Amino acid sequence: MSATTVKKDTNFNMRMNKQKKASLEKLYEGLGMTLAEAVNIFFEKSLIEGGIPFDVRMPNYNRETIEAFKEAKEIMSGKVKTKSYGSAKELFDELDSE
């Protein structure tokens, strides 16, 4: 019996953010399937693979990248003042003048 002919006789419910659900529905609609069909594909692939069908691990960033993330957060929070430019040309003109 193939997966498409197996009787579905139970429900699986989960909660998520409305906006995320709408985005996922739009994504999978573009692929010609419903969100429920996409979740079922994930579960089937999990059974075939014997686990989550993709790597799940902490990113292994180097020290320089971690420092760049910290700096970006500080800039975004306003802790570090930066100069902004109206265009890339303005930025490059200033860099060329140094």
N, C-alpha and C. Protein backbone atom coordinates (compact mmCIF):
# COMPACT_ATOMS: atom_id res chain seq x y z
N MET A 1 0.84 -1.17 0.00
CA MET A 1 0.00 0.00 0.00
C MET A 1 0.89 1.24 0.00
N SER A 2 0.71 2.18 -0.92
CA SER A 2 1.55 3.38 -0.99
C SER A 2 1.07 4.41 0.03
N ALA A 3 1.91 5.40 0.28
CA ALA A 3 1.59 6.43 1.28
C ALA A 3 0.32 7.19 0.91
N THR A 4 0.03 7.29 -0.38
CA THR A 4 -1.15 8.05 -0.80
C THR A 4 -2.45 7.29 -0.57
N THR A 5 -2.39 5.98 -0.38
CA THR A 5 -3.62 5.21 -0.17
C THR A 5 -3.81 4.79 1.29
N VAL A 6 -2.86 5.10 2.15
CA VAL A 6 -3.00 4.77 3.57
C VAL A 6 -4.08 5.66 4.18
N LYS A 7 -5.00 5.04 4.90
CA LYS A 7 -6.08 5.78 5.54
C LYS A 7 -5.52 6.69 6.63
N LYS A 8 -5.93 7.93 6.60
CA LYS A 8 -5.53 8.88 7.63
C LYS A 8 -6.63 8.90 8.68
N ASP A 9 -6.31 8.40 9.88
CA ASP A 9 -7.36 8.21 10.88
C ASP A 9 -7.09 8.92 12.21
N THR A 10 -6.18 9.89 12.20
CA THR A 10 -5.92 10.65 13.42
C THR A 10 -5.53 12.08 13.04
N ASN A 11 -5.60 12.97 14.01
CA ASN A 11 -5.26 14.38 13.78
C ASN A 11 -4.00 14.76 14.54
N PHE A 12 -3.33 15.77 14.03
CA PHE A 12 -2.14 16.34 14.67
C PHE A 12 -2.36 17.84 14.66
N ASN A 13 -2.37 18.47 15.83
CA ASN A 13 -2.60 19.92 15.93
C ASN A 13 -1.35 20.60 16.46
N MET A 14 -1.10 21.81 15.96
CA MET A 14 0.01 22.60 16.48
C MET A 14 -0.35 24.07 16.42
N ARG A 15 0.30 24.85 17.25
CA ARG A 15 0.05 26.29 17.28
C ARG A 15 1.25 27.01 16.67
N MET A 16 0.94 28.09 15.95
CA MET A 16 2.00 28.93 15.40
C MET A 16 1.46 30.33 15.18
N ASN A 17 2.33 31.24 14.92
CA ASN A 17 2.00 32.62 14.63
C ASN A 17 1.18 32.70 13.34
N LYS A 18 0.11 33.52 13.36
CA LYS A 18 -0.78 33.66 12.20
C LYS A 18 -0.03 34.08 10.94
N GLN A 19 0.86 35.03 11.10
CA GLN A 19 1.61 35.56 9.96
C GLN A 19 2.52 34.48 9.36
N LYS A 20 3.15 33.69 10.22
CA LYS A 20 4.02 32.62 9.74
C LYS A 20 3.19 31.58 8.99
N LYS A 21 2.01 31.25 9.53
CA LYS A 21 1.14 30.26 8.88
C LYS A 21 0.74 30.75 7.49
N ALA A 22 0.34 32.02 7.40
CA ALA A 22 -0.06 32.59 6.10
C ALA A 22 1.10 32.55 5.11
N SER A 23 2.30 32.88 5.58
CA SER A 23 3.48 32.85 4.70
C SER A 23 3.77 31.43 4.22
N LEU A 24 3.66 30.47 5.13
CA LEU A 24 3.90 29.07 4.76
C LEU A 24 2.84 28.57 3.77
N GLU A 25 1.58 28.94 4.02
CA GLU A 25 0.52 28.52 3.10
C GLU A 25 0.77 29.07 1.70
N LYS A 26 1.20 30.34 1.63
CA LYS A 26 1.49 30.95 0.32
C LYS A 26 2.67 30.23 -0.35
N LEU A 27 3.70 29.95 0.42
CA LEU A 27 4.88 29.25 -0.11
C LEU A 27 4.48 27.90 -0.70
N TYR A 28 3.78 27.09 0.09
CA TYR A 28 3.44 25.75 -0.37
C TYR A 28 2.37 25.76 -1.46
N GLU A 29 1.51 26.78 -1.46
CA GLU A 29 0.55 26.91 -2.56
C GLU A 29 1.30 27.08 -3.88
N GLY A 30 2.39 27.85 -3.84
CA GLY A 30 3.22 28.02 -5.03
C GLY A 30 3.86 26.73 -5.49
N LEU A 31 3.98 25.78 -4.58
CA LEU A 31 4.54 24.47 -4.91
C LEU A 31 3.44 23.46 -5.22
N GLY A 32 2.18 23.94 -5.21
CA GLY A 32 1.06 23.07 -5.57
C GLY A 32 0.60 22.15 -4.46
N MET A 33 0.80 22.56 -3.21
CA MET A 33 0.36 21.70 -2.10
C MET A 33 -0.14 22.54 -0.94
N THR A 34 -0.86 21.91 -0.05
CA THR A 34 -1.34 22.57 1.15
C THR A 34 -0.28 22.48 2.24
N LEU A 35 -0.49 23.25 3.29
CA LEU A 35 0.42 23.18 4.43
C LEU A 35 0.38 21.78 5.05
N ALA A 36 -0.80 21.20 5.15
CA ALA A 36 -0.92 19.84 5.70
C ALA A 36 -0.15 18.83 4.85
N GLU A 37 -0.23 18.98 3.53
CA GLU A 37 0.52 18.06 2.66
C GLU A 37 2.03 18.23 2.86
N ALA A 38 2.47 19.47 3.02
CA ALA A 38 3.90 19.73 3.24
C ALA A 38 4.37 19.11 4.55
N VAL A 39 3.55 19.23 5.60
CA VAL A 39 3.91 18.64 6.89
C VAL A 39 3.96 17.12 6.77
N ASN A 40 3.01 16.54 6.05
CA ASN A 40 3.02 15.09 5.85
C ASN A 40 4.26 14.64 5.09
N ILE A 41 4.70 15.43 4.11
CA ILE A 41 5.93 15.11 3.38
C ILE A 41 7.12 15.13 4.34
N PHE A 42 7.16 16.15 5.21
CA PHE A 42 8.23 16.23 6.20
C PHE A 42 8.24 14.99 7.08
N PHE A 43 7.06 14.58 7.56
CA PHE A 43 6.98 13.40 8.43
C PHE A 43 7.40 12.13 7.69
N GLU A 44 6.96 11.98 6.45
CA GLU A 44 7.34 10.79 5.66
C GLU A 44 8.85 10.74 5.46
N LYS A 45 9.43 11.89 5.12
CA LYS A 45 10.88 11.95 4.92
C LYS A 45 11.62 11.67 6.23
N SER A 46 11.06 12.12 7.35
CA SER A 46 11.67 11.84 8.65
C SER A 46 11.71 10.35 8.92
N LEU A 47 10.63 9.65 8.57
CA LEU A 47 10.59 8.20 8.76
C LEU A 47 11.61 7.51 7.86
N ILE A 48 11.71 7.96 6.62
CA ILE A 48 12.67 7.37 5.68
C ILE A 48 14.11 7.58 6.17
N GLU A 49 14.40 8.80 6.65
CA GLU A 49 15.76 9.15 7.10
C GLU A 49 16.07 8.63 8.50
N GLY A 50 15.04 8.30 9.26
CA GLY A 50 15.26 7.88 10.64
C GLY A 50 15.54 9.04 11.57
N GLY A 51 15.03 10.21 11.23
CA GLY A 51 15.24 11.41 12.05
C GLY A 51 14.88 12.64 11.25
N ILE A 52 15.25 13.78 11.78
CA ILE A 52 14.98 15.03 11.07
C ILE A 52 15.76 14.99 9.76
N PRO A 53 15.09 15.28 8.63
CA PRO A 53 15.73 15.08 7.32
C PRO A 53 16.68 16.21 6.88
N PHE A 54 17.23 16.93 7.82
CA PHE A 54 18.24 17.94 7.52
C PHE A 54 19.05 18.17 8.78
N ASP A 55 20.22 18.79 8.65
CA ASP A 55 21.08 19.03 9.80
C ASP A 55 20.45 20.04 10.75
N VAL A 56 20.47 19.72 12.03
CA VAL A 56 20.02 20.64 13.07
C VAL A 56 21.18 20.78 14.04
N ARG A 57 21.83 21.92 13.99
CA ARG A 57 22.97 22.13 14.87
C ARG A 57 23.22 23.62 15.03
N MET A 58 23.97 23.93 16.04
CA MET A 58 24.33 25.32 16.30
C MET A 58 25.33 25.75 15.24
N PRO A 59 25.17 26.97 14.73
CA PRO A 59 26.16 27.44 13.76
C PRO A 59 27.53 27.57 14.42
N ASN A 60 28.55 27.29 13.66
CA ASN A 60 29.92 27.34 14.17
C ASN A 60 30.61 28.58 13.59
N TYR A 61 30.28 29.76 14.17
CA TYR A 61 30.85 31.00 13.67
C TYR A 61 32.23 31.23 14.27
N ASN A 62 33.11 31.84 13.47
CA ASN A 62 34.42 32.19 14.01
C ASN A 62 34.31 33.47 14.84
N ARG A 63 35.37 33.77 15.57
CA ARG A 63 35.37 34.92 16.49
C ARG A 63 35.05 36.23 15.76
N GLU A 64 35.60 36.41 14.57
CA GLU A 64 35.39 37.65 13.82
C GLU A 64 33.91 37.82 13.47
N THR A 65 33.26 36.75 13.08
CA THR A 65 31.84 36.81 12.73
C THR A 65 31.00 37.10 13.96
N ILE A 66 31.32 36.48 15.08
CA ILE A 66 30.58 36.72 16.33
C ILE A 66 30.71 38.18 16.73
N GLU A 67 31.92 38.74 16.62
CA GLU A 67 32.13 40.16 16.94
C GLU A 67 31.33 41.05 15.99
N ALA A 68 31.26 40.68 14.72
CA ALA A 68 30.48 41.46 13.75
C ALA A 68 29.00 41.44 14.10
N PHE A 69 28.49 40.28 14.54
CA PHE A 69 27.08 40.19 14.98
C PHE A 69 26.84 41.11 16.17
N LYS A 70 27.76 41.09 17.15
CA LYS A 70 27.61 41.93 18.33
C LYS A 70 27.60 43.40 17.94
N GLU A 71 28.52 43.78 17.05
CA GLU A 71 28.60 45.17 16.60
C GLU A 71 27.32 45.57 15.88
N ALA A 72 26.80 44.70 15.03
CA ALA A 72 25.56 45.00 14.31
C ALA A 72 24.40 45.19 15.28
N LYS A 73 24.31 44.36 16.32
CA LYS A 73 23.25 44.50 17.32
C LYS A 73 23.37 45.83 18.05
N GLU A 74 24.60 46.21 18.39
CA GLU A 74 24.82 47.48 19.08
C GLU A 74 24.44 48.66 18.20
N ILE A 75 24.75 48.58 16.92
CA ILE A 75 24.38 49.64 15.98
C ILE A 75 22.87 49.72 15.86
N MET A 76 22.23 48.57 15.71
CA MET A 76 20.77 48.54 15.54
C MET A 76 20.04 49.02 16.80
N SER A 77 20.61 48.79 17.97
CA SER A 77 19.98 49.21 19.22
C SER A 77 20.26 50.68 19.54
N GLY A 78 21.16 51.31 18.78
CA GLY A 78 21.49 52.71 19.00
C GLY A 78 22.61 52.93 19.99
N LYS A 79 23.20 51.86 20.51
CA LYS A 79 24.31 51.98 21.47
C LYS A 79 25.55 52.55 20.81
N VAL A 80 25.71 52.29 19.52
CA VAL A 80 26.86 52.78 18.76
C VAL A 80 26.33 53.71 17.67
N LYS A 81 26.85 54.92 17.64
CA LYS A 81 26.43 55.89 16.63
C LYS A 81 27.23 55.68 15.35
N THR A 82 26.53 55.66 14.25
CA THR A 82 27.19 55.50 12.95
C THR A 82 26.70 56.58 12.00
N LYS A 83 27.47 56.82 10.99
CA LYS A 83 27.09 57.78 9.96
C LYS A 83 26.34 57.04 8.88
N SER A 84 25.29 57.66 8.37
CA SER A 84 24.56 57.03 7.27
C SER A 84 24.74 57.86 6.00
N TYR A 85 24.51 57.22 4.90
CA TYR A 85 24.70 57.84 3.59
C TYR A 85 23.41 57.72 2.79
N GLY A 86 23.17 58.71 1.94
CA GLY A 86 21.98 58.70 1.10
C GLY A 86 22.07 57.73 -0.06
N SER A 87 23.30 57.36 -0.39
CA SER A 87 23.50 56.43 -1.51
C SER A 87 24.86 55.76 -1.38
N ALA A 88 25.03 54.71 -2.13
CA ALA A 88 26.33 54.02 -2.15
C ALA A 88 27.40 54.96 -2.72
N LYS A 89 27.00 55.79 -3.68
CA LYS A 89 27.95 56.73 -4.29
C LYS A 89 28.53 57.68 -3.24
N GLU A 90 27.65 58.20 -2.36
CA GLU A 90 28.13 59.07 -1.28
C GLU A 90 29.17 58.37 -0.42
N LEU A 91 28.89 57.14 -0.06
CA LEU A 91 29.81 56.36 0.76
C LEU A 91 31.15 56.20 0.05
N PHE A 92 31.11 55.76 -1.21
CA PHE A 92 32.36 55.53 -1.94
C PHE A 92 33.12 56.82 -2.20
N ASP A 93 32.40 57.92 -2.44
CA ASP A 93 33.07 59.22 -2.61
C ASP A 93 33.84 59.59 -1.35
N GLU A 94 33.21 59.37 -0.18
CA GLU A 94 33.90 59.69 1.07
C GLU A 94 35.10 58.76 1.29
N LEU A 95 34.93 57.49 0.99
CA LEU A 95 36.04 56.55 1.15
C LEU A 95 37.20 56.91 0.22
N ASP A 96 36.88 57.34 -1.00
CA ASP A 96 37.92 57.72 -1.97
C ASP A 96 38.65 58.98 -1.54
N SER A 97 37.98 59.85 -0.77
CA SER A 97 38.60 61.12 -0.37
C SER A 97 39.55 60.95 0.82
N GLU A 98 39.51 59.80 1.47
CA GLU A 98 40.37 59.58 2.65
C GLU A 98 41.78 59.24 2.27
